[in-house]
Amino acid sequence: MKKRVRMLVAVAVVVSLFAAGAIFAQTMNGLVNINTADEAALIALDHIGKAKAQAIVKYRQERGMFKNIDELKGVPGIGDRVFAAIRDKITVEDAHK
């Protein structure tokens, strides 16, 4: 029984580390790239929950990549207050440039 519990804990730790790594991989210098971030990375931003993260991804899929961060204000649910809270934490720059 103890062996099974240890195995489950180990699996949970590995899954958590993988998820954290996926979020980290979508950031550049601590900034979240709104053109490449998945829902989990977007939810890590202040004031962005599941519904807003889904709206950002949907907007990007329908209209293409954001040319600048100000375009994020065109996403339903992202008003001036939310944008002001995250503007210094987001980018549209390619990490490989």
C-alpha atoms as a PDB file:
ATOM      1  CA  MET A   1       0.000   0.000   0.000  1.00  0.00           C
ATOM      2  CA  LYS A   2       2.787   2.440   0.925  1.00  0.00           C
ATOM      3  CA  LYS A   3       4.553   1.669  -2.336  1.00  0.00           C
ATOM      4  CA  ARG A   4       1.400   2.527  -4.291  1.00  0.00           C
ATOM      5  CA  VAL A   5       0.966   5.823  -2.431  1.00  0.00           C
ATOM      6  CA  ARG A   6       4.607   6.735  -3.105  1.00  0.00           C
ATOM      7  CA  MET A   7       4.112   5.938  -6.783  1.00  0.00           C
ATOM      8  CA  LEU A   8       1.007   8.143  -6.971  1.00  0.00           C
ATOM      9  CA  VAL A   9       2.838  11.002  -5.244  1.00  0.00           C
ATOM     10  CA  ALA A  10       5.758  10.637  -7.644  1.00  0.00           C
ATOM     11  CA  VAL A  11       3.432  10.737 -10.637  1.00  0.00           C
ATOM     12  CA  ALA A  12       1.674  13.814  -9.257  1.00  0.00           C
ATOM     13  CA  VAL A  13       5.015  15.596  -8.800  1.00  0.00           C
ATOM     14  CA  VAL A  14       6.135  14.756 -12.339  1.00  0.00           C
ATOM     15  CA  VAL A  15       2.846  15.976 -13.811  1.00  0.00           C
ATOM     16  CA  SER A  16       3.076  19.219 -11.822  1.00  0.00           C
ATOM     17  CA  LEU A  17       6.641  19.824 -12.966  1.00  0.00           C
ATOM     18  CA  PHE A  18       5.700  19.122 -16.572  1.00  0.00           C
ATOM     19  CA  ALA A  19       2.822  21.623 -16.402  1.00  0.00           C
ATOM     20  CA  ALA A  20       5.073  24.263 -14.836  1.00  0.00           C
ATOM     21  CA  GLY A  21       7.680  23.626 -17.523  1.00  0.00           C
ATOM     22  CA  ALA A  22       5.090  24.023 -20.274  1.00  0.00           C
ATOM     23  CA  ILE A  23       4.033  27.383 -18.860  1.00  0.00           C
ATOM     24  CA  PHE A  24       7.666  28.489 -18.439  1.00  0.00           C
ATOM     25  CA  ALA A  25       8.456  27.475 -22.022  1.00  0.00           C
ATOM     26  CA  GLN A  26       5.774  29.861 -23.275  1.00  0.00           C
ATOM     27  CA  THR A  27       7.357  32.861 -21.592  1.00  0.00           C
ATOM     28  CA  MET A  28      10.245  35.046 -22.628  1.00  0.00           C
ATOM     29  CA  ASN A  29      12.156  36.904 -19.945  1.00  0.00           C
ATOM     30  CA  GLY A  30       9.207  36.365 -17.645  1.00  0.00           C
ATOM     31  CA  LEU A  31       6.754  37.697 -20.231  1.00  0.00           C
ATOM     32  CA  VAL A  32       3.877  35.634 -21.586  1.00  0.00           C
ATOM     33  CA  ASN A  33       3.767  35.631 -25.374  1.00  0.00           C
ATOM     34  CA  ILE A  34       0.079  36.098 -26.160  1.00  0.00           C
ATOM     35  CA  ASN A  35       0.644  34.749 -29.672  1.00  0.00           C
ATOM     36  CA  THR A  36       1.894  31.365 -28.511  1.00  0.00           C
ATOM     37  CA  ALA A  37       0.572  30.910 -24.957  1.00  0.00           C
ATOM     38  CA  ASP A  38      -1.969  28.207 -24.260  1.00  0.00           C
ATOM     39  CA  GLU A  39      -4.809  28.604 -21.766  1.00  0.00           C
ATOM     40  CA  ALA A  40      -2.681  27.482 -18.812  1.00  0.00           C
ATOM     41  CA  ALA A  41      -0.009  30.111 -19.497  1.00  0.00           C
ATOM     42  CA  LEU A  42      -2.634  32.818 -19.959  1.00  0.00           C
ATOM     43  CA  ILE A  43      -4.422  31.860 -16.730  1.00  0.00           C
ATOM     44  CA  ALA A  44      -1.122  32.420 -14.903  1.00  0.00           C
ATOM     45  CA  LEU A  45      -1.583  36.141 -15.609  1.00  0.00           C
ATOM     46  CA  ASP A  46      -3.395  38.323 -13.064  1.00  0.00           C
ATOM     47  CA  HIS A  47      -7.092  38.873 -13.827  1.00  0.00           C
ATOM     48  CA  ILE A  48      -7.141  36.149 -16.508  1.00  0.00           C
ATOM     49  CA  GLY A  49      -9.314  33.169 -15.702  1.00  0.00           C
ATOM     50  CA  LYS A  50     -10.425  30.263 -17.821  1.00  0.00           C
ATOM     51  CA  ALA A  51     -13.100  32.198 -19.737  1.00  0.00           C
ATOM     52  CA  LYS A  52     -10.782  35.086 -20.658  1.00  0.00           C
ATOM     53  CA  ALA A  53      -7.965  32.687 -21.582  1.00  0.00           C
ATOM     54  CA  GLN A  54     -10.332  30.798 -23.875  1.00  0.00           C
ATOM     55  CA  ALA A  55     -11.493  34.097 -25.404  1.00  0.00           C
ATOM     56  CA  ILE A  56      -7.877  35.104 -26.117  1.00  0.00           C
ATOM     57  CA  VAL A  57      -7.098  31.781 -27.790  1.00  0.00           C
ATOM     58  CA  LYS A  58     -10.332  31.906 -29.812  1.00  0.00           C
ATOM     59  CA  TYR A  59      -9.678  35.499 -30.908  1.00  0.00           C
ATOM     60  CA  ARG A  60      -6.150  34.542 -32.001  1.00  0.00           C
ATOM     61  CA  GLN A  61      -7.404  31.485 -33.918  1.00  0.00           C
ATOM     62  CA  GLU A  62     -10.057  33.502 -35.736  1.00  0.00           C
ATOM     63  CA  ARG A  63      -8.025  36.642 -36.503  1.00  0.00           C
ATOM     64  CA  GLY A  64      -4.417  35.517 -36.520  1.00  0.00           C
ATOM     65  CA  MET A  65      -1.474  36.603 -34.434  1.00  0.00           C
ATOM     66  CA  PHE A  66      -1.543  39.811 -32.431  1.00  0.00           C
ATOM     67  CA  LYS A  67       0.645  42.466 -34.044  1.00  0.00           C
ATOM     68  CA  ASN A  68       1.055  44.346 -30.768  1.00  0.00           C
ATOM     69  CA  ILE A  69      -0.131  43.923 -27.207  1.00  0.00           C
ATOM     70  CA  ASP A  70      -2.708  46.723 -27.527  1.00  0.00           C
ATOM     71  CA  GLU A  71      -4.745  44.480 -29.859  1.00  0.00           C
ATOM     72  CA  LEU A  72      -5.526  42.343 -26.816  1.00  0.00           C
ATOM     73  CA  LYS A  73      -8.087  44.985 -25.815  1.00  0.00           C
ATOM     74  CA  GLY A  74     -10.186  43.808 -28.766  1.00  0.00           C
ATOM     75  CA  VAL A  75     -10.782  40.470 -27.025  1.00  0.00           C
ATOM     76  CA  PRO A  76     -14.158  40.310 -25.285  1.00  0.00           C
ATOM     77  CA  GLY A  77     -13.621  40.656 -21.536  1.00  0.00           C
ATOM     78  CA  ILE A  78     -10.267  42.410 -21.801  1.00  0.00           C
ATOM     79  CA  GLY A  79     -10.973  45.996 -20.899  1.00  0.00           C
ATOM     80  CA  ASP A  80      -8.711  48.826 -19.834  1.00  0.00           C
ATOM     81  CA  ARG A  81      -8.494  47.633 -16.202  1.00  0.00           C
ATOM     82  CA  VAL A  82      -7.445  44.084 -17.094  1.00  0.00           C
ATOM     83  CA  PHE A  83      -5.088  45.282 -19.811  1.00  0.00           C
ATOM     84  CA  ALA A  84      -3.410  47.744 -17.424  1.00  0.00           C
ATOM     85  CA  ALA A  85      -2.862  44.921 -14.920  1.00  0.00           C
ATOM     86  CA  ILE A  86      -1.117  42.642 -17.445  1.00  0.00           C
ATOM     87  CA  ARG A  87       0.481  44.958 -20.007  1.00  0.00           C
ATOM     88  CA  ASP A  88       3.938  44.708 -18.406  1.00  0.00           C
ATOM     89  CA  LYS A  89       3.699  40.915 -18.268  1.00  0.00           C
ATOM     90  CA  ILE A  90       2.863  40.162 -21.913  1.00  0.00           C
ATOM     91  CA  THR A  91       4.607  40.307 -25.267  1.00  0.00           C
ATOM     92  CA  VAL A  92       4.066  39.423 -28.910  1.00  0.00           C
ATOM     93  CA  GLU A  93       7.807  39.162 -29.632  1.00  0.00           C
ATOM     94  CA  ASP A  94       9.314  35.917 -30.842  1.00  0.00           C
ATOM     95  CA  ALA A  95      11.697  34.481 -28.239  1.00  0.00           C
ATOM     96  CA  HIS A  96      14.055  33.340 -31.015  1.00  0.00           C
ATOM     97  CA  LYS A  97      14.718  36.777 -32.503  1.00  0.00           C
END
